[in-house]
């Protein structure tokens, strides 16, 4: 099995003009999925990784331009050490696979978050995957690892303040666009749709600035059970929303 799998998915019936350009997914419910089956939480993460490959491939196939998935938050370090270790091992194995099996895909891989929290080997694998995919022309996949939106905003503010101190930017010139240009997602459109499986009604420190006018769809299904048909359902819900951006 390759990093994203090789089986071609059925194409969504949503017309291209109604598709969101940018989708965010909070991949939630791996631990509960495993607990329901009497399995260790690591088994849930392994199952969730398979779903990640399937849904990523499907998003690329149907014409989504940007996909941001929440893989590991800044708060996830608080989990039991054996679970964190299992996740790090899982990340490494998939990134190693990606370098060989992912080479024929058009997907551009980017990692957003604080990479300094990971060991040298994992950081190197992230860099190699980004470098090997940077010239592709397909969907941009943002994998949020050691990511927290509050931390992202603080980093952006510090960077802007540093530039102001050096005279590279005037305080009077700082606006919404200035903040956006200093986030990990600089140069990308804000997410049109964020999907959260597992039935939890929380944003969990994910893309806080970028999701000011994002449509949310909460689905009562744990992430490892999430199917392409569930994504289609979320897209149908999105396509029937009237996005007014504060207007009438």
C-alpha atoms as a PDB file:
ATOM      1  CA  UNK A   1       0.000   0.000   0.000  1.00  0.00           C
ATOM      2  CA  UNK A   2       1.417   3.370  -0.990  1.00  0.00           C
ATOM      3  CA  UNK A   3       1.230   6.535   1.072  1.00  0.00           C
ATOM      4  CA  UNK A   4      -2.055   7.578  -0.523  1.00  0.00           C
ATOM      5  CA  UNK A   5      -3.095   4.255  -2.036  1.00  0.00           C
ATOM      6  CA  UNK A   6      -3.387   3.584  -5.749  1.00  0.00           C
ATOM      7  CA  UNK A   7      -7.061   2.708  -6.132  1.00  0.00           C
ATOM      8  CA  UNK A   8      -8.983   5.343  -8.068  1.00  0.00           C
ATOM      9  CA  UNK A   9     -11.983   6.649  -6.145  1.00  0.00           C
ATOM     10  CA  UNK A  10     -15.455   7.245  -7.486  1.00  0.00           C
ATOM     11  CA  UNK A  11     -15.857  10.888  -8.525  1.00  0.00           C
ATOM     12  CA  UNK A  12     -18.173  13.161  -6.519  1.00  0.00           C
ATOM     13  CA  UNK A  13     -21.407  14.315  -8.141  1.00  0.00           C
ATOM     14  CA  UNK A  14     -20.862  17.875  -6.882  1.00  0.00           C
ATOM     15  CA  UNK A  15     -20.310  20.218  -9.832  1.00  0.00           C
ATOM     16  CA  UNK A  16     -16.881  21.897  -9.893  1.00  0.00           C
ATOM     17  CA  UNK A  17     -18.288  25.410  -9.452  1.00  0.00           C
ATOM     18  CA  UNK A  18     -19.871  24.374  -6.119  1.00  0.00           C
ATOM     19  CA  UNK A  19     -16.752  22.720  -4.738  1.00  0.00           C
ATOM     20  CA  UNK A  20     -14.859  24.526  -1.975  1.00  0.00           C
ATOM     21  CA  UNK A  21     -11.363  25.556  -2.994  1.00  0.00           C
ATOM     22  CA  UNK A  22      -9.946  24.794   0.451  1.00  0.00           C
ATOM     23  CA  UNK A  23     -11.142  22.134   2.897  1.00  0.00           C
ATOM     24  CA  UNK A  24      -9.907  21.663   6.452  1.00  0.00           C
ATOM     25  CA  UNK A  25     -10.445  18.402   8.315  1.00  0.00           C
ATOM     26  CA  UNK A  26     -10.068  17.838  12.057  1.00  0.00           C
ATOM     27  CA  UNK A  27      -9.268  14.123  12.046  1.00  0.00           C
ATOM     28  CA  UNK A  28     -10.919  13.254  15.359  1.00  0.00           C
ATOM     29  CA  UNK A  29     -12.036  10.029  17.005  1.00  0.00           C
ATOM     30  CA  UNK A  30      -9.161   7.581  16.537  1.00  0.00           C
ATOM     31  CA  UNK A  31      -8.849   6.807  20.244  1.00  0.00           C
ATOM     32  CA  UNK A  32     -12.587   6.306  20.760  1.00  0.00           C
ATOM     33  CA  UNK A  33     -12.736   4.092  17.663  1.00  0.00           C
ATOM     34  CA  UNK A  34     -10.066   1.828  19.167  1.00  0.00           C
ATOM     35  CA  UNK A  35     -11.651   1.825  22.637  1.00  0.00           C
ATOM     36  CA  UNK A  36     -15.015   0.711  21.211  1.00  0.00           C
ATOM     37  CA  UNK A  37     -13.226  -2.323  19.769  1.00  0.00           C
ATOM     38  CA  UNK A  38     -11.122  -3.117  22.814  1.00  0.00           C
ATOM     39  CA  UNK A  39      -7.947  -2.134  20.960  1.00  0.00           C
ATOM     40  CA  UNK A  40      -5.014   0.076  22.011  1.00  0.00           C
ATOM     41  CA  UNK A  41      -5.281   3.711  20.951  1.00  0.00           C
ATOM     42  CA  UNK A  42      -2.372   3.190  18.559  1.00  0.00           C
ATOM     43  CA  UNK A  43      -4.613   0.858  16.522  1.00  0.00           C
ATOM     44  CA  UNK A  44      -7.054   3.729  16.120  1.00  0.00           C
ATOM     45  CA  UNK A  45      -4.302   5.992  14.821  1.00  0.00           C
ATOM     46  CA  UNK A  46      -3.232   3.343  12.312  1.00  0.00           C
ATOM     47  CA  UNK A  47      -6.838   2.996  11.097  1.00  0.00           C
ATOM     48  CA  UNK A  48      -7.168   6.783  10.966  1.00  0.00           C
ATOM     49  CA  UNK A  49      -4.039   7.019   8.819  1.00  0.00           C
ATOM     50  CA  UNK A  50      -5.643   4.702   6.250  1.00  0.00           C
ATOM     51  CA  UNK A  51      -8.692   6.964   6.154  1.00  0.00           C
ATOM     52  CA  UNK A  52      -6.394   9.973   5.718  1.00  0.00           C
ATOM     53  CA  UNK A  53      -4.814   8.399   2.624  1.00  0.00           C
ATOM     54  CA  UNK A  54      -8.203   7.530   1.135  1.00  0.00           C
ATOM     55  CA  UNK A  55      -9.803  10.932   1.730  1.00  0.00           C
ATOM     56  CA  UNK A  56      -6.728  12.843   0.550  1.00  0.00           C
ATOM     57  CA  UNK A  57      -6.669  10.911  -2.705  1.00  0.00           C
ATOM     58  CA  UNK A  58     -10.403  11.506  -3.159  1.00  0.00           C
ATOM     59  CA  UNK A  59     -10.098  15.262  -2.575  1.00  0.00           C
ATOM     60  CA  UNK A  60      -7.349  15.401  -5.190  1.00  0.00           C
ATOM     61  CA  UNK A  61      -9.389  13.343  -7.657  1.00  0.00           C
ATOM     62  CA  UNK A  62     -12.496  15.535  -7.445  1.00  0.00           C
ATOM     63  CA  UNK A  63     -10.641  18.831  -7.867  1.00  0.00           C
ATOM     64  CA  UNK A  64     -10.111  20.276  -4.393  1.00  0.00           C
ATOM     65  CA  UNK A  65      -7.245  22.783  -4.627  1.00  0.00           C
ATOM     66  CA  UNK A  66      -6.163  22.883  -0.974  1.00  0.00           C
ATOM     67  CA  UNK A  67      -6.648  20.388   1.851  1.00  0.00           C
ATOM     68  CA  UNK A  68      -5.474  21.009   5.410  1.00  0.00           C
ATOM     69  CA  UNK A  69      -5.599  18.088   7.840  1.00  0.00           C
ATOM     70  CA  UNK A  70      -5.068  18.334  11.590  1.00  0.00           C
ATOM     71  CA  UNK A  71      -2.664  15.476  12.334  1.00  0.00           C
ATOM     72  CA  UNK A  72      -0.986  16.427  15.633  1.00  0.00           C
ATOM     73  CA  UNK A  73      -1.674  19.479  17.754  1.00  0.00           C
ATOM     74  CA  UNK A  74       0.571  21.363  20.154  1.00  0.00           C
ATOM     75  CA  UNK A  75      -1.654  19.974  22.923  1.00  0.00           C
ATOM     76  CA  UNK A  76      -1.260  16.352  21.826  1.00  0.00           C
ATOM     77  CA  UNK A  77       2.124  16.146  23.556  1.00  0.00           C
ATOM     78  CA  UNK A  78       0.146  15.870  26.809  1.00  0.00           C
ATOM     79  CA  UNK A  79      -1.114  12.421  25.831  1.00  0.00           C
ATOM     80  CA  UNK A  80       0.451   9.277  27.374  1.00  0.00           C
ATOM     81  CA  UNK A  81       4.082   8.869  26.310  1.00  0.00           C
ATOM     82  CA  UNK A  82       3.468   5.462  24.716  1.00  0.00           C
ATOM     83  CA  UNK A  83       0.711   6.918  22.524  1.00  0.00           C
ATOM     84  CA  UNK A  84       2.905   9.837  21.438  1.00  0.00           C
ATOM     85  CA  UNK A  85       5.765   7.446  20.662  1.00  0.00           C
ATOM     86  CA  UNK A  86       3.440   5.272  18.568  1.00  0.00           C
ATOM     87  CA  UNK A  87       2.269   8.342  16.639  1.00  0.00           C
ATOM     88  CA  UNK A  88       5.835   9.455  15.928  1.00  0.00           C
ATOM     89  CA  UNK A  89       6.673   5.954  14.650  1.00  0.00           C
ATOM     90  CA  UNK A  90       3.563   6.022  12.448  1.00  0.00           C
ATOM     91  CA  UNK A  91       4.435   9.443  11.024  1.00  0.00           C
ATOM     92  CA  UNK A  92       7.961   8.286  10.168  1.00  0.00           C
ATOM     93  CA  UNK A  93       6.834   5.098   8.434  1.00  0.00           C
ATOM     94  CA  UNK A  94       4.341   6.951   6.225  1.00  0.00           C
ATOM     95  CA  UNK A  95       6.777   9.706   5.317  1.00  0.00           C
ATOM     96  CA  UNK A  96       9.392   7.113   4.381  1.00  0.00           C
ATOM     97  CA  UNK A  97       6.818   5.392   2.160  1.00  0.00           C
ATOM     98  CA  UNK A  98       5.832   8.707   0.624  1.00  0.00           C
ATOM     99  CA  UNK A  99       9.298   9.362  -0.762  1.00  0.00           C
ATOM    100  CA  UNK A 100       9.106   6.305  -3.014  1.00  0.00           C
ATOM    101  CA  UNK A 101       5.400   5.588  -3.505  1.00  0.00           C
ATOM    102  CA  UNK A 102       4.173   9.172  -3.745  1.00  0.00           C
ATOM    103  CA  UNK A 103       6.613  10.292  -6.443  1.00  0.00           C
ATOM    104  CA  UNK A 104       4.164   9.836  -9.334  1.00  0.00           C
ATOM    105  CA  UNK A 105       1.405  11.927  -7.736  1.00  0.00           C
ATOM    106  CA  UNK A 106       0.651  15.569  -8.486  1.00  0.00           C
ATOM    107  CA  UNK A 107      -0.044  16.484  -4.842  1.00  0.00           C
ATOM    108  CA  UNK A 108       2.148  19.143  -3.237  1.00  0.00           C
ATOM    109  CA  UNK A 109       2.934  18.286   0.392  1.00  0.00           C
ATOM    110  CA  UNK A 110       3.481  20.974   3.014  1.00  0.00           C
ATOM    111  CA  UNK A 111       3.838  20.694   6.771  1.00  0.00           C
ATOM    112  CA  UNK A 112       2.471  23.517   8.892  1.00  0.00           C
ATOM    113  CA  UNK A 113       3.318  23.878  12.555  1.00  0.00           C
ATOM    114  CA  UNK A 114       6.448  24.032  14.695  1.00  0.00           C
ATOM    115  CA  UNK A 115       8.805  21.407  13.260  1.00  0.00           C
ATOM    116  CA  UNK A 116      11.387  22.048  15.977  1.00  0.00           C
ATOM    117  CA  UNK A 117       9.373  19.863  18.352  1.00  0.00           C
ATOM    118  CA  UNK A 118      10.223  16.724  16.377  1.00  0.00           C
ATOM    119  CA  UNK A 119      13.449  14.731  16.238  1.00  0.00           C
ATOM    120  CA  UNK A 120      16.027  15.226  13.498  1.00  0.00           C
ATOM    121  CA  UNK A 121      14.952  12.166  11.515  1.00  0.00           C
ATOM    122  CA  UNK A 122      11.301  13.206  11.319  1.00  0.00           C
ATOM    123  CA  UNK A 123      12.197  16.802  10.437  1.00  0.00           C
ATOM    124  CA  UNK A 124      14.447  15.536   7.648  1.00  0.00           C
ATOM    125  CA  UNK A 125      11.648  13.353   6.274  1.00  0.00           C
ATOM    126  CA  UNK A 126       9.305  16.354   6.301  1.00  0.00           C
ATOM    127  CA  UNK A 127      11.844  18.445   4.403  1.00  0.00           C
ATOM    128  CA  UNK A 128      12.487  15.686   1.860  1.00  0.00           C
ATOM    129  CA  UNK A 129       8.766  15.251   1.194  1.00  0.00           C
ATOM    130  CA  UNK A 130       8.278  18.990   0.764  1.00  0.00           C
ATOM    131  CA  UNK A 131      11.275  19.314  -1.546  1.00  0.00           C
ATOM    132  CA  UNK A 132      10.361  16.306  -3.686  1.00  0.00           C
ATOM    133  CA  UNK A 133       6.797  17.578  -4.233  1.00  0.00           C
ATOM    134  CA  UNK A 134       7.298  21.346  -4.488  1.00  0.00           C
ATOM    135  CA  UNK A 135       7.261  21.486  -8.298  1.00  0.00           C
ATOM    136  CA  UNK A 136       4.064  19.474  -8.722  1.00  0.00           C
ATOM    137  CA  UNK A 137       0.957  21.220 -10.003  1.00  0.00           C
ATOM    138  CA  UNK A 138      -1.862  19.420  -8.189  1.00  0.00           C
ATOM    139  CA  UNK A 139      -3.682  19.833  -4.898  1.00  0.00           C
ATOM    140  CA  UNK A 140      -1.756  21.383  -2.008  1.00  0.00           C
ATOM    141  CA  UNK A 141      -1.905  19.168   1.065  1.00  0.00           C
ATOM    142  CA  UNK A 142      -1.126  20.937   4.349  1.00  0.00           C
ATOM    143  CA  UNK A 143      -0.388  18.455   7.128  1.00  0.00           C
ATOM    144  CA  UNK A 144      -0.686  20.269  10.469  1.00  0.00           C
ATOM    145  CA  UNK A 145       1.830  18.708  12.863  1.00  0.00           C
ATOM    146  CA  UNK A 146       2.741  20.234  16.223  1.00  0.00           C
ATOM    147  CA  UNK A 147       0.276  22.874  15.116  1.00  0.00           C
ATOM    148  CA  UNK A 148      -1.795  25.193  17.268  1.00  0.00           C
ATOM    149  CA  UNK A 149      -3.529  28.237  15.836  1.00  0.00           C
ATOM    150  CA  UNK A 150      -2.880  30.454  18.862  1.00  0.00           C
ATOM    151  CA  UNK A 151       0.813  29.615  18.615  1.00  0.00           C
ATOM    152  CA  UNK A 152       0.676  30.362  14.878  1.00  0.00           C
ATOM    153  CA  UNK A 153      -0.854  33.802  15.515  1.00  0.00           C
ATOM    154  CA  UNK A 154       1.673  34.613  18.257  1.00  0.00           C
ATOM    155  CA  UNK A 155       4.506  33.684  15.900  1.00  0.00           C
ATOM    156  CA  UNK A 156       3.015  35.898  13.195  1.00  0.00           C
ATOM    157  CA  UNK A 157       2.708  38.857  15.584  1.00  0.00           C
ATOM    158  CA  UNK A 158       6.300  38.428  16.777  1.00  0.00           C
ATOM    159  CA  UNK A 159       7.544  38.325  13.185  1.00  0.00           C
ATOM    160  CA  UNK A 160       5.610  41.482  12.321  1.00  0.00           C
ATOM    161  CA  UNK A 161       6.883  43.262  15.450  1.00  0.00           C
ATOM    162  CA  UNK A 162      10.454  42.303  14.563  1.00  0.00           C
ATOM    163  CA  UNK A 163      10.036  43.788  11.094  1.00  0.00           C
ATOM    164  CA  UNK A 164       8.518  46.941  12.575  1.00  0.00           C
ATOM    165  CA  UNK A 165      11.488  47.329  14.933  1.00  0.00           C
ATOM    166  CA  UNK A 166      13.843  47.077  11.961  1.00  0.00           C
ATOM    167  CA  UNK A 167      11.833  49.627  10.009  1.00  0.00           C
ATOM    168  CA  UNK A 168      10.820  47.052   7.396  1.00  0.00           C
ATOM    169  CA  UNK A 169       7.131  47.744   7.964  1.00  0.00           C
ATOM    170  CA  UNK A 170       5.203  50.726   9.329  1.00  0.00           C
ATOM    171  CA  UNK A 171       2.767  50.076  12.164  1.00  0.00           C
ATOM    172  CA  UNK A 172       0.169  52.125  10.285  1.00  0.00           C
ATOM    173  CA  UNK A 173       0.432  49.652   7.399  1.00  0.00           C
ATOM    174  CA  UNK A 174      -0.424  46.562   9.473  1.00  0.00           C
ATOM    175  CA  UNK A 175      -3.822  45.145   8.560  1.00  0.00           C
ATOM    176  CA  UNK A 176      -5.641  41.822   8.138  1.00  0.00           C
ATOM    177  CA  UNK A 177      -3.562  40.947   5.102  1.00  0.00           C
ATOM    178  CA  UNK A 178      -0.346  41.546   7.037  1.00  0.00           C
ATOM    179  CA  UNK A 179      -1.368  38.928   9.612  1.00  0.00           C
ATOM    180  CA  UNK A 180      -2.431  36.453   6.909  1.00  0.00           C
ATOM    181  CA  UNK A 181       0.870  36.880   5.089  1.00  0.00           C
ATOM    182  CA  UNK A 182       2.766  35.801   8.221  1.00  0.00           C
ATOM    183  CA  UNK A 183       0.788  32.645   8.935  1.00  0.00           C
ATOM    184  CA  UNK A 184       1.820  29.131   7.896  1.00  0.00           C
ATOM    185  CA  UNK A 185      -0.852  29.252   5.180  1.00  0.00           C
ATOM    186  CA  UNK A 186       0.441  32.470   3.602  1.00  0.00           C
ATOM    187  CA  UNK A 187      -0.470  32.684  -0.073  1.00  0.00           C
ATOM    188  CA  UNK A 188      -3.339  30.222   0.235  1.00  0.00           C
ATOM    189  CA  UNK A 189      -7.070  30.990   0.319  1.00  0.00           C
ATOM    190  CA  UNK A 190      -8.812  30.684   3.668  1.00  0.00           C
ATOM    191  CA  UNK A 191     -10.704  27.403   4.110  1.00  0.00           C
ATOM    192  CA  UNK A 192     -14.219  27.464   2.699  1.00  0.00           C
ATOM    193  CA  UNK A 193     -15.241  24.365   4.636  1.00  0.00           C
ATOM    194  CA  UNK A 194     -14.002  22.664   7.803  1.00  0.00           C
ATOM    195  CA  UNK A 195     -15.250  19.166   8.555  1.00  0.00           C
ATOM    196  CA  UNK A 196     -15.089  17.645  12.023  1.00  0.00           C
ATOM    197  CA  UNK A 197     -15.977  13.973  12.345  1.00  0.00           C
ATOM    198  CA  UNK A 198     -16.672  12.415  15.785  1.00  0.00           C
ATOM    199  CA  UNK A 199     -19.594  14.680  16.692  1.00  0.00           C
ATOM    200  CA  UNK A 200     -17.553  17.106  18.812  1.00  0.00           C
ATOM    201  CA  UNK A 201     -18.577  20.765  18.536  1.00  0.00           C
ATOM    202  CA  UNK A 202     -15.163  22.356  19.040  1.00  0.00           C
ATOM    203  CA  UNK A 203     -12.638  24.048  16.780  1.00  0.00           C
ATOM    204  CA  UNK A 204      -9.749  22.778  18.956  1.00  0.00           C
ATOM    205  CA  UNK A 205      -7.252  25.538  18.144  1.00  0.00           C
ATOM    206  CA  UNK A 206      -7.396  24.846  14.390  1.00  0.00           C
ATOM    207  CA  UNK A 207      -7.060  27.655  11.813  1.00  0.00           C
ATOM    208  CA  UNK A 208      -8.647  30.254  14.103  1.00  0.00           C
ATOM    209  CA  UNK A 209      -7.646  33.283  12.030  1.00  0.00           C
ATOM    210  CA  UNK A 210      -8.241  31.622   8.683  1.00  0.00           C
ATOM    211  CA  UNK A 211     -11.729  30.314   9.558  1.00  0.00           C
ATOM    212  CA  UNK A 212     -13.413  33.661  10.290  1.00  0.00           C
ATOM    213  CA  UNK A 213     -16.006  32.993   7.562  1.00  0.00           C
ATOM    214  CA  UNK A 214     -15.548  29.265   7.077  1.00  0.00           C
ATOM    215  CA  UNK A 215     -18.548  26.942   6.879  1.00  0.00           C
ATOM    216  CA  UNK A 216     -18.445  24.119   9.456  1.00  0.00           C
ATOM    217  CA  UNK A 217     -19.924  20.648   9.115  1.00  0.00           C
ATOM    218  CA  UNK A 218     -19.942  18.390  12.188  1.00  0.00           C
ATOM    219  CA  UNK A 219     -20.449  14.698  11.455  1.00  0.00           C
ATOM    220  CA  UNK A 220     -21.305  12.054  14.050  1.00  0.00           C
ATOM    221  CA  UNK A 221     -18.821   9.498  12.762  1.00  0.00           C
ATOM    222  CA  UNK A 222     -15.385   8.646  14.122  1.00  0.00           C
ATOM    223  CA  UNK A 223     -12.539   9.445  11.744  1.00  0.00           C
ATOM    224  CA  UNK A 224     -11.434   5.836  11.001  1.00  0.00           C
ATOM    225  CA  UNK A 225     -15.006   5.112   9.820  1.00  0.00           C
ATOM    226  CA  UNK A 226     -15.159   8.208   7.602  1.00  0.00           C
ATOM    227  CA  UNK A 227     -15.884   7.335   3.955  1.00  0.00           C
ATOM    228  CA  UNK A 228     -15.790   9.208   0.654  1.00  0.00           C
ATOM    229  CA  UNK A 229     -19.603   9.165   0.805  1.00  0.00           C
ATOM    230  CA  UNK A 230     -19.370  11.138   4.075  1.00  0.00           C
ATOM    231  CA  UNK A 231     -17.206  13.720   2.356  1.00  0.00           C
ATOM    232  CA  UNK A 232     -19.786  13.913  -0.434  1.00  0.00           C
ATOM    233  CA  UNK A 233     -22.474  14.510   2.188  1.00  0.00           C
ATOM    234  CA  UNK A 234     -20.436  17.342   3.719  1.00  0.00           C
ATOM    235  CA  UNK A 235     -19.894  18.829   0.259  1.00  0.00           C
ATOM    236  CA  UNK A 236     -23.623  18.662  -0.447  1.00  0.00           C
ATOM    237  CA  UNK A 237     -24.344  20.461   2.826  1.00  0.00           C
ATOM    238  CA  UNK A 238     -21.740  23.091   1.946  1.00  0.00           C
ATOM    239  CA  UNK A 239     -23.102  23.586  -1.572  1.00  0.00           C
ATOM    240  CA  UNK A 240     -26.510  24.462  -0.121  1.00  0.00           C
ATOM    241  CA  UNK A 241     -25.185  27.070   2.305  1.00  0.00           C
ATOM    242  CA  UNK A 242     -25.699  30.770   1.543  1.00  0.00           C
ATOM    243  CA  UNK A 243     -22.330  32.374   2.307  1.00  0.00           C
ATOM    244  CA  UNK A 244     -22.961  36.066   3.049  1.00  0.00           C
ATOM    245  CA  UNK A 245     -19.659  37.013   4.731  1.00  0.00           C
ATOM    246  CA  UNK A 246     -21.481  39.334   7.119  1.00  0.00           C
ATOM    247  CA  UNK A 247     -23.659  40.863   4.405  1.00  0.00           C
ATOM    248  CA  UNK A 248     -27.288  40.254   3.476  1.00  0.00           C
END
